Amino acid sequence: MDYQIRQIKVNEYPILADFLYEAIFIPEGMDKPPKSIIEQPELQIYIEDFGKADDLCLVVETKEKIVGAVWTRIMNDYGHIDDETPSFAISLYEEYRHLGIGTALMKAMLKRLKEKGYKQASLSVQKANYAVNMYRKVGFEVLDENEEEYIMVCRL
């Protein structure tokens, strides 16, 4: 598949709401929640007022359509480690998953974070999520866990 990874444009920030919804892991056999779920404060922190100094976002585009995004910001989210470590969010529209695009997006963002001088990045992922393997493949390791989730960190 032909695609390009590029920095998001300011006028494209609203699309992050779509990708925030797409990032919600739905276990096998479960129904998708309503789109209004992203209005909850614990999810809004991923996109609210996006564009601050530490916010970074890359999108993947194919045939002039954005089909995925990875973004980081320093926030007190599920994967929060400290106030110097950006947390990841990533998602692709369903039909673009399992093609290596997510891995390419993650690698591009990790490179960008390293260039900006960050020492590490973090994320939270449900243990049942197939993406756990991809995160490990790009360098994330389990830092902490609870019954359902891993807190993972990647040293840059």
N, C-alpha and C. Protein backbone atom coordinates (compact mmCIF):
# COMPACT_ATOMS: atom_id res chain seq x y z
N MET A 1 0.84 -1.19 0.00
CA MET A 1 0.00 0.00 0.00
C MET A 1 0.88 1.24 0.00
N ASP A 2 0.49 2.19 -0.79
CA ASP A 2 1.22 3.44 -0.92
C ASP A 2 0.67 4.44 0.11
N TYR A 3 1.55 4.93 1.00
CA TYR A 3 1.11 5.91 1.98
C TYR A 3 2.28 6.80 2.37
N GLN A 4 1.96 7.92 2.97
CA GLN A 4 3.00 8.81 3.47
C GLN A 4 2.68 9.20 4.90
N ILE A 5 3.74 9.35 5.69
CA ILE A 5 3.61 9.80 7.08
C ILE A 5 4.09 11.24 7.11
N ARG A 6 3.28 12.09 7.69
CA ARG A 6 3.62 13.51 7.76
C ARG A 6 3.07 14.12 9.04
N GLN A 7 3.56 15.32 9.34
CA GLN A 7 3.06 16.05 10.50
C GLN A 7 1.63 16.52 10.22
N ILE A 8 0.81 16.48 11.26
CA ILE A 8 -0.57 16.96 11.12
C ILE A 8 -0.56 18.47 10.91
N LYS A 9 -1.52 18.96 10.16
CA LYS A 9 -1.69 20.41 9.97
C LYS A 9 -2.70 20.91 11.00
N VAL A 10 -2.56 22.15 11.40
CA VAL A 10 -3.44 22.73 12.43
C VAL A 10 -4.91 22.56 12.07
N ASN A 11 -5.26 22.77 10.82
CA ASN A 11 -6.67 22.66 10.43
C ASN A 11 -7.18 21.22 10.45
N GLU A 12 -6.27 20.25 10.65
CA GLU A 12 -6.66 18.84 10.73
C GLU A 12 -6.82 18.35 12.17
N TYR A 13 -6.52 19.17 13.16
CA TYR A 13 -6.63 18.74 14.56
C TYR A 13 -7.98 18.10 14.90
N PRO A 14 -9.10 18.60 14.37
CA PRO A 14 -10.38 17.99 14.72
C PRO A 14 -10.49 16.49 14.41
N ILE A 15 -9.70 16.00 13.45
CA ILE A 15 -9.76 14.58 13.11
C ILE A 15 -9.25 13.70 14.26
N LEU A 16 -8.53 14.29 15.20
CA LEU A 16 -8.04 13.51 16.33
C LEU A 16 -9.20 12.92 17.15
N ALA A 17 -10.34 13.57 17.14
CA ALA A 17 -11.51 13.01 17.84
C ALA A 17 -11.91 11.67 17.21
N ASP A 18 -11.87 11.59 15.88
CA ASP A 18 -12.18 10.32 15.21
C ASP A 18 -11.18 9.24 15.61
N PHE A 19 -9.91 9.61 15.62
CA PHE A 19 -8.89 8.62 15.94
C PHE A 19 -8.87 8.26 17.42
N LEU A 20 -9.28 9.18 18.27
CA LEU A 20 -9.43 8.85 19.68
C LEU A 20 -10.48 7.75 19.83
N TYR A 21 -11.58 7.90 19.13
CA TYR A 21 -12.63 6.88 19.18
C TYR A 21 -12.11 5.56 18.62
N GLU A 22 -11.39 5.62 17.51
CA GLU A 22 -10.85 4.41 16.90
C GLU A 22 -9.82 3.73 17.80
N ALA A 23 -9.19 4.47 18.69
CA ALA A 23 -8.16 3.92 19.58
C ALA A 23 -8.76 3.10 20.73
N ILE A 24 -10.05 3.20 20.93
CA ILE A 24 -10.68 2.45 22.02
C ILE A 24 -10.66 0.97 21.67
N PHE A 25 -10.05 0.19 22.53
CA PHE A 25 -9.97 -1.26 22.31
C PHE A 25 -11.31 -1.91 22.63
N ILE A 26 -11.82 -2.67 21.67
CA ILE A 26 -13.08 -3.38 21.85
C ILE A 26 -12.75 -4.88 21.91
N PRO A 27 -12.86 -5.49 23.10
CA PRO A 27 -12.59 -6.93 23.18
C PRO A 27 -13.53 -7.74 22.29
N GLU A 28 -13.05 -8.89 21.86
CA GLU A 28 -13.84 -9.81 21.03
C GLU A 28 -15.22 -10.04 21.64
N GLY A 29 -16.24 -9.90 20.79
CA GLY A 29 -17.60 -10.17 21.24
C GLY A 29 -18.30 -9.01 21.92
N MET A 30 -17.60 -7.90 22.12
CA MET A 30 -18.20 -6.73 22.76
C MET A 30 -18.68 -5.75 21.69
N ASP A 31 -19.74 -5.00 22.02
CA ASP A 31 -20.24 -3.97 21.13
C ASP A 31 -19.40 -2.71 21.27
N LYS A 32 -19.31 -1.95 20.18
CA LYS A 32 -18.62 -0.67 20.23
C LYS A 32 -19.43 0.29 21.11
N PRO A 33 -18.73 1.08 21.91
CA PRO A 33 -19.47 2.09 22.69
C PRO A 33 -19.95 3.21 21.77
N PRO A 34 -20.88 4.04 22.25
CA PRO A 34 -21.31 5.18 21.43
C PRO A 34 -20.16 6.16 21.27
N LYS A 35 -20.16 6.89 20.16
CA LYS A 35 -19.08 7.87 19.91
C LYS A 35 -19.00 8.92 21.01
N SER A 36 -20.10 9.15 21.70
CA SER A 36 -20.11 10.16 22.77
C SER A 36 -19.17 9.79 23.93
N ILE A 37 -18.69 8.56 23.97
CA ILE A 37 -17.79 8.14 25.05
C ILE A 37 -16.54 9.02 25.10
N ILE A 38 -16.13 9.53 23.95
CA ILE A 38 -14.90 10.34 23.94
C ILE A 38 -15.07 11.69 24.63
N GLU A 39 -16.31 12.03 24.98
CA GLU A 39 -16.56 13.27 25.71
C GLU A 39 -16.21 13.16 27.19
N GLN A 40 -15.95 11.94 27.67
CA GLN A 40 -15.60 11.76 29.08
C GLN A 40 -14.24 12.43 29.36
N PRO A 41 -14.11 13.11 30.52
CA PRO A 41 -12.88 13.85 30.83
C PRO A 41 -11.61 13.01 30.73
N GLU A 42 -11.68 11.73 31.15
CA GLU A 42 -10.48 10.90 31.11
C GLU A 42 -10.04 10.57 29.68
N LEU A 43 -10.92 10.77 28.71
CA LEU A 43 -10.55 10.61 27.30
C LEU A 43 -10.28 11.95 26.63
N GLN A 44 -10.99 12.98 27.03
CA GLN A 44 -10.79 14.30 26.45
C GLN A 44 -9.35 14.81 26.63
N ILE A 45 -8.68 14.37 27.71
CA ILE A 45 -7.31 14.87 27.93
C ILE A 45 -6.37 14.52 26.78
N TYR A 46 -6.74 13.52 25.98
CA TYR A 46 -5.89 13.14 24.85
C TYR A 46 -5.95 14.15 23.70
N ILE A 47 -7.05 14.89 23.60
CA ILE A 47 -7.21 15.77 22.43
C ILE A 47 -7.57 17.22 22.76
N GLU A 48 -8.05 17.48 23.96
CA GLU A 48 -8.51 18.82 24.32
C GLU A 48 -7.36 19.83 24.19
N ASP A 49 -7.63 20.94 23.51
CA ASP A 49 -6.63 22.00 23.31
C ASP A 49 -5.34 21.47 22.69
N PHE A 50 -5.44 20.51 21.78
CA PHE A 50 -4.25 19.97 21.16
C PHE A 50 -3.52 21.06 20.40
N GLY A 51 -2.19 21.01 20.46
CA GLY A 51 -1.36 21.99 19.77
C GLY A 51 -0.44 22.76 20.70
N LYS A 52 -0.42 22.36 21.98
CA LYS A 52 0.47 23.02 22.94
C LYS A 52 1.92 22.63 22.65
N ALA A 53 2.84 23.26 23.36
CA ALA A 53 4.27 23.11 23.09
C ALA A 53 4.76 21.67 23.01
N ASP A 54 4.32 20.81 23.90
CA ASP A 54 4.81 19.42 23.92
C ASP A 54 3.97 18.47 23.06
N ASP A 55 2.92 18.95 22.44
CA ASP A 55 2.06 18.09 21.63
C ASP A 55 2.69 17.82 20.26
N LEU A 56 2.72 16.57 19.89
CA LEU A 56 3.22 16.17 18.58
C LEU A 56 2.21 15.21 17.95
N CYS A 57 2.05 15.30 16.64
CA CYS A 57 1.15 14.38 15.95
C CYS A 57 1.65 14.13 14.53
N LEU A 58 1.67 12.86 14.17
CA LEU A 58 1.93 12.45 12.80
C LEU A 58 0.70 11.74 12.29
N VAL A 59 0.40 11.93 11.02
CA VAL A 59 -0.72 11.22 10.40
C VAL A 59 -0.19 10.40 9.24
N VAL A 60 -0.96 9.41 8.88
CA VAL A 60 -0.64 8.62 7.69
C VAL A 60 -1.75 8.89 6.68
N GLU A 61 -1.30 9.14 5.47
CA GLU A 61 -2.22 9.55 4.42
C GLU A 61 -2.04 8.61 3.22
N THR A 62 -3.15 8.18 2.66
CA THR A 62 -3.13 7.42 1.42
C THR A 62 -4.23 7.95 0.53
N LYS A 63 -3.91 8.12 -0.72
CA LYS A 63 -4.88 8.65 -1.69
C LYS A 63 -5.56 9.90 -1.17
N GLU A 64 -4.76 10.80 -0.59
CA GLU A 64 -5.22 12.10 -0.07
C GLU A 64 -6.24 11.98 1.05
N LYS A 65 -6.23 10.85 1.75
CA LYS A 65 -7.13 10.65 2.89
C LYS A 65 -6.29 10.26 4.10
N ILE A 66 -6.55 10.92 5.24
CA ILE A 66 -5.88 10.56 6.48
C ILE A 66 -6.54 9.29 7.01
N VAL A 67 -5.73 8.25 7.23
CA VAL A 67 -6.28 6.96 7.65
C VAL A 67 -5.77 6.51 9.01
N GLY A 68 -4.87 7.30 9.60
CA GLY A 68 -4.35 6.95 10.92
C GLY A 68 -3.59 8.13 11.51
N ALA A 69 -3.39 8.05 12.82
CA ALA A 69 -2.66 9.11 13.52
C ALA A 69 -1.97 8.53 14.74
N VAL A 70 -0.83 9.12 15.06
CA VAL A 70 -0.14 8.85 16.32
C VAL A 70 0.14 10.21 16.92
N TRP A 71 -0.18 10.36 18.18
CA TRP A 71 0.11 11.64 18.82
C TRP A 71 0.58 11.41 20.24
N THR A 72 1.38 12.37 20.69
CA THR A 72 1.91 12.31 22.05
C THR A 72 1.72 13.67 22.70
N ARG A 73 1.57 13.61 23.99
CA ARG A 73 1.54 14.83 24.79
C ARG A 73 1.84 14.44 26.22
N ILE A 74 2.32 15.40 26.97
CA ILE A 74 2.56 15.17 28.39
C ILE A 74 1.24 15.45 29.09
N MET A 75 0.67 14.38 29.65
CA MET A 75 -0.66 14.48 30.26
C MET A 75 -0.78 13.43 31.36
N ASN A 76 -1.71 13.66 32.23
CA ASN A 76 -1.94 12.72 33.32
C ASN A 76 -2.99 11.70 32.87
N ASP A 77 -2.58 10.82 31.97
CA ASP A 77 -3.48 9.82 31.41
C ASP A 77 -3.20 8.45 32.02
N TYR A 78 -3.78 7.43 31.43
CA TYR A 78 -3.60 6.07 31.94
C TYR A 78 -2.14 5.63 31.91
N GLY A 79 -1.37 6.11 30.93
CA GLY A 79 0.02 5.72 30.80
C GLY A 79 1.01 6.69 31.40
N HIS A 80 0.53 7.63 32.20
CA HIS A 80 1.39 8.67 32.79
C HIS A 80 2.46 8.08 33.68
N ILE A 81 3.70 8.51 33.44
CA ILE A 81 4.84 8.09 34.27
C ILE A 81 5.35 9.28 35.08
N ASP A 82 5.63 10.39 34.37
CA ASP A 82 6.09 11.61 35.02
C ASP A 82 5.84 12.79 34.08
N ASP A 83 6.16 13.98 34.55
CA ASP A 83 5.85 15.19 33.78
C ASP A 83 6.87 15.50 32.68
N GLU A 84 7.84 14.61 32.46
CA GLU A 84 8.81 14.77 31.38
C GLU A 84 8.61 13.72 30.30
N THR A 85 7.68 12.80 30.51
CA THR A 85 7.49 11.67 29.59
C THR A 85 6.19 11.81 28.82
N PRO A 86 6.29 11.97 27.50
CA PRO A 86 5.07 12.04 26.70
C PRO A 86 4.38 10.68 26.62
N SER A 87 3.05 10.72 26.62
CA SER A 87 2.23 9.52 26.48
C SER A 87 1.73 9.41 25.04
N PHE A 88 1.67 8.20 24.56
CA PHE A 88 1.25 7.89 23.20
C PHE A 88 -0.24 7.63 23.09
N ALA A 89 -0.79 8.01 21.95
CA ALA A 89 -2.09 7.54 21.47
C ALA A 89 -1.89 7.24 19.99
N ILE A 90 -2.44 6.14 19.54
CA ILE A 90 -2.32 5.77 18.13
C ILE A 90 -3.56 5.03 17.71
N SER A 91 -3.97 5.26 16.48
CA SER A 91 -5.04 4.45 15.90
C SER A 91 -5.07 4.61 14.40
N LEU A 92 -5.65 3.60 13.79
CA LEU A 92 -5.87 3.58 12.35
C LEU A 92 -7.32 3.18 12.12
N TYR A 93 -7.88 3.63 11.03
CA TYR A 93 -9.19 3.11 10.67
C TYR A 93 -9.04 1.60 10.46
N GLU A 94 -10.08 0.89 10.82
CA GLU A 94 -10.03 -0.58 10.89
C GLU A 94 -9.47 -1.25 9.64
N GLU A 95 -9.85 -0.77 8.48
CA GLU A 95 -9.41 -1.43 7.24
C GLU A 95 -7.92 -1.22 6.94
N TYR A 96 -7.25 -0.38 7.71
CA TYR A 96 -5.83 -0.11 7.50
C TYR A 96 -4.95 -0.76 8.57
N ARG A 97 -5.55 -1.56 9.42
CA ARG A 97 -4.80 -2.25 10.47
C ARG A 97 -4.19 -3.54 9.94
N HIS A 98 -3.16 -4.02 10.62
CA HIS A 98 -2.47 -5.27 10.29
C HIS A 98 -1.73 -5.20 8.95
N LEU A 99 -1.32 -4.01 8.55
CA LEU A 99 -0.58 -3.84 7.29
C LEU A 99 0.82 -3.27 7.53
N GLY A 100 1.20 -3.09 8.80
CA GLY A 100 2.51 -2.53 9.11
C GLY A 100 2.52 -1.01 9.21
N ILE A 101 1.39 -0.38 8.96
CA ILE A 101 1.32 1.08 8.99
C ILE A 101 1.46 1.60 10.42
N GLY A 102 0.83 0.94 11.39
CA GLY A 102 0.93 1.35 12.78
C GLY A 102 2.37 1.28 13.28
N THR A 103 3.08 0.22 12.89
CA THR A 103 4.49 0.09 13.27
C THR A 103 5.31 1.23 12.68
N ALA A 104 5.07 1.54 11.41
CA ALA A 104 5.79 2.64 10.77
C ALA A 104 5.49 3.98 11.47
N LEU A 105 4.23 4.19 11.83
CA LEU A 105 3.85 5.41 12.55
C LEU A 105 4.56 5.50 13.90
N MET A 106 4.56 4.39 14.64
CA MET A 106 5.22 4.37 15.96
C MET A 106 6.71 4.68 15.83
N LYS A 107 7.37 4.04 14.87
CA LYS A 107 8.81 4.27 14.68
C LYS A 107 9.09 5.72 14.32
N ALA A 108 8.25 6.28 13.46
CA ALA A 108 8.44 7.69 13.06
C ALA A 108 8.28 8.62 14.26
N MET A 109 7.30 8.35 15.12
CA MET A 109 7.10 9.20 16.28
C MET A 109 8.22 9.03 17.30
N LEU A 110 8.67 7.80 17.52
CA LEU A 110 9.78 7.58 18.46
C LEU A 110 11.04 8.32 17.99
N LYS A 111 11.28 8.30 16.68
CA LYS A 111 12.42 9.04 16.12
C LYS A 111 12.25 10.55 16.37
N ARG A 112 11.04 11.05 16.14
CA ARG A 112 10.76 12.48 16.33
C ARG A 112 10.97 12.87 17.80
N LEU A 113 10.49 12.05 18.73
CA LEU A 113 10.64 12.33 20.16
C LEU A 113 12.11 12.35 20.57
N LYS A 114 12.88 11.41 20.04
CA LYS A 114 14.31 11.35 20.35
C LYS A 114 15.00 12.62 19.83
N GLU A 115 14.67 13.04 18.62
CA GLU A 115 15.24 14.26 18.04
C GLU A 115 14.90 15.48 18.89
N LYS A 116 13.75 15.47 19.52
CA LYS A 116 13.33 16.59 20.37
C LYS A 116 13.92 16.52 21.77
N GLY A 117 14.70 15.47 22.06
CA GLY A 117 15.41 15.38 23.33
C GLY A 117 14.71 14.63 24.44
N TYR A 118 13.60 13.99 24.13
CA TYR A 118 12.93 13.21 25.17
C TYR A 118 13.74 11.94 25.47
N LYS A 119 13.70 11.51 26.71
CA LYS A 119 14.47 10.34 27.14
C LYS A 119 13.65 9.05 27.04
N GLN A 120 12.31 9.19 27.13
CA GLN A 120 11.44 8.02 27.08
C GLN A 120 10.04 8.46 26.70
N ALA A 121 9.21 7.47 26.37
CA ALA A 121 7.80 7.70 26.08
C ALA A 121 7.02 6.56 26.73
N SER A 122 5.73 6.80 26.99
CA SER A 122 4.93 5.77 27.67
C SER A 122 3.60 5.60 26.96
N LEU A 123 2.93 4.52 27.34
CA LEU A 123 1.58 4.28 26.88
C LEU A 123 0.92 3.27 27.81
N SER A 124 -0.38 3.22 27.71
CA SER A 124 -1.18 2.24 28.44
C SER A 124 -1.92 1.41 27.40
N VAL A 125 -1.96 0.11 27.62
CA VAL A 125 -2.63 -0.77 26.67
C VAL A 125 -3.27 -1.93 27.41
N GLN A 126 -4.47 -2.29 27.00
CA GLN A 126 -5.12 -3.44 27.62
C GLN A 126 -4.36 -4.70 27.22
N LYS A 127 -4.21 -5.61 28.18
CA LYS A 127 -3.43 -6.83 27.96
C LYS A 127 -3.95 -7.65 26.79
N ALA A 128 -5.26 -7.63 26.56
CA ALA A 128 -5.86 -8.42 25.48
C ALA A 128 -5.71 -7.77 24.10
N ASN A 129 -5.19 -6.56 24.04
CA ASN A 129 -5.08 -5.83 22.78
C ASN A 129 -3.94 -6.42 21.94
N TYR A 130 -4.25 -6.76 20.69
CA TYR A 130 -3.23 -7.32 19.79
C TYR A 130 -2.05 -6.37 19.59
N ALA A 131 -2.24 -5.08 19.82
CA ALA A 131 -1.17 -4.09 19.61
C ALA A 131 -0.02 -4.24 20.60
N VAL A 132 -0.22 -4.97 21.69
CA VAL A 132 0.86 -5.17 22.67
C VAL A 132 2.11 -5.69 21.97
N ASN A 133 1.94 -6.64 21.05
CA ASN A 133 3.09 -7.21 20.34
C ASN A 133 3.80 -6.17 19.49
N MET A 134 3.05 -5.31 18.84
CA MET A 134 3.64 -4.25 18.02
C MET A 134 4.43 -3.28 18.90
N TYR A 135 3.86 -2.93 20.06
CA TYR A 135 4.56 -2.02 20.95
C TYR A 135 5.88 -2.62 21.41
N ARG A 136 5.86 -3.91 21.73
CA ARG A 136 7.11 -4.58 22.12
C ARG A 136 8.11 -4.56 20.97
N LYS A 137 7.63 -4.80 19.77
CA LYS A 137 8.49 -4.86 18.59
C LYS A 137 9.22 -3.53 18.34
N VAL A 138 8.57 -2.42 18.66
CA VAL A 138 9.21 -1.12 18.43
C VAL A 138 10.00 -0.62 19.65
N GLY A 139 10.06 -1.44 20.73
CA GLY A 139 10.94 -1.10 21.85
C GLY A 139 10.28 -0.83 23.19
N PHE A 140 8.97 -0.94 23.28
CA PHE A 140 8.31 -0.71 24.56
C PHE A 140 8.44 -1.94 25.46
N GLU A 141 8.60 -1.69 26.75
CA GLU A 141 8.67 -2.74 27.75
C GLU A 141 7.66 -2.46 28.84
N VAL A 142 7.17 -3.52 29.48
CA VAL A 142 6.21 -3.36 30.56
C VAL A 142 6.91 -2.77 31.78
N LEU A 143 6.39 -1.65 32.24
CA LEU A 143 6.91 -0.98 33.42
C LEU A 143 6.08 -1.34 34.65
N ASP A 144 4.76 -1.45 34.43
CA ASP A 144 3.83 -1.74 35.51
C ASP A 144 2.60 -2.39 34.89
N GLU A 145 1.80 -3.01 35.71
CA GLU A 145 0.57 -3.60 35.20
C GLU A 145 -0.46 -3.73 36.31
N ASN A 146 -1.70 -3.84 35.87
CA ASN A 146 -2.78 -4.20 36.79
C ASN A 146 -3.50 -5.38 36.15
N GLU A 147 -4.68 -5.69 36.63
CA GLU A 147 -5.38 -6.86 36.11
C GLU A 147 -5.63 -6.79 34.61
N GLU A 148 -5.94 -5.59 34.11
CA GLU A 148 -6.36 -5.44 32.72
C GLU A 148 -5.34 -4.80 31.80
N GLU A 149 -4.45 -3.96 32.35
CA GLU A 149 -3.60 -3.12 31.49
C GLU A 149 -2.13 -3.22 31.83
N TYR A 150 -1.34 -2.93 30.79
CA TYR A 150 0.08 -2.72 30.97
C TYR A 150 0.36 -1.22 30.86
N ILE A 151 1.28 -0.73 31.67
CA ILE A 151 1.89 0.58 31.45
C ILE A 151 3.24 0.24 30.84
N MET A 152 3.46 0.74 29.63
CA MET A 152 4.69 0.40 28.92
C MET A 152 5.52 1.65 28.69
N VAL A 153 6.84 1.44 28.63
CA VAL A 153 7.76 2.56 28.42
C VAL A 153 8.78 2.16 27.36
N CYS A 154 9.19 3.14 26.58
CA CYS A 154 10.23 2.96 25.58
C CYS A 154 11.32 3.98 25.86
N ARG A 155 12.52 3.51 26.13
CA ARG A 155 13.67 4.40 26.34
C ARG A 155 14.17 4.84 24.97
N LEU A 156 14.39 6.14 24.83
CA LEU A 156 14.79 6.67 23.51
C LEU A 156 16.29 6.86 23.38
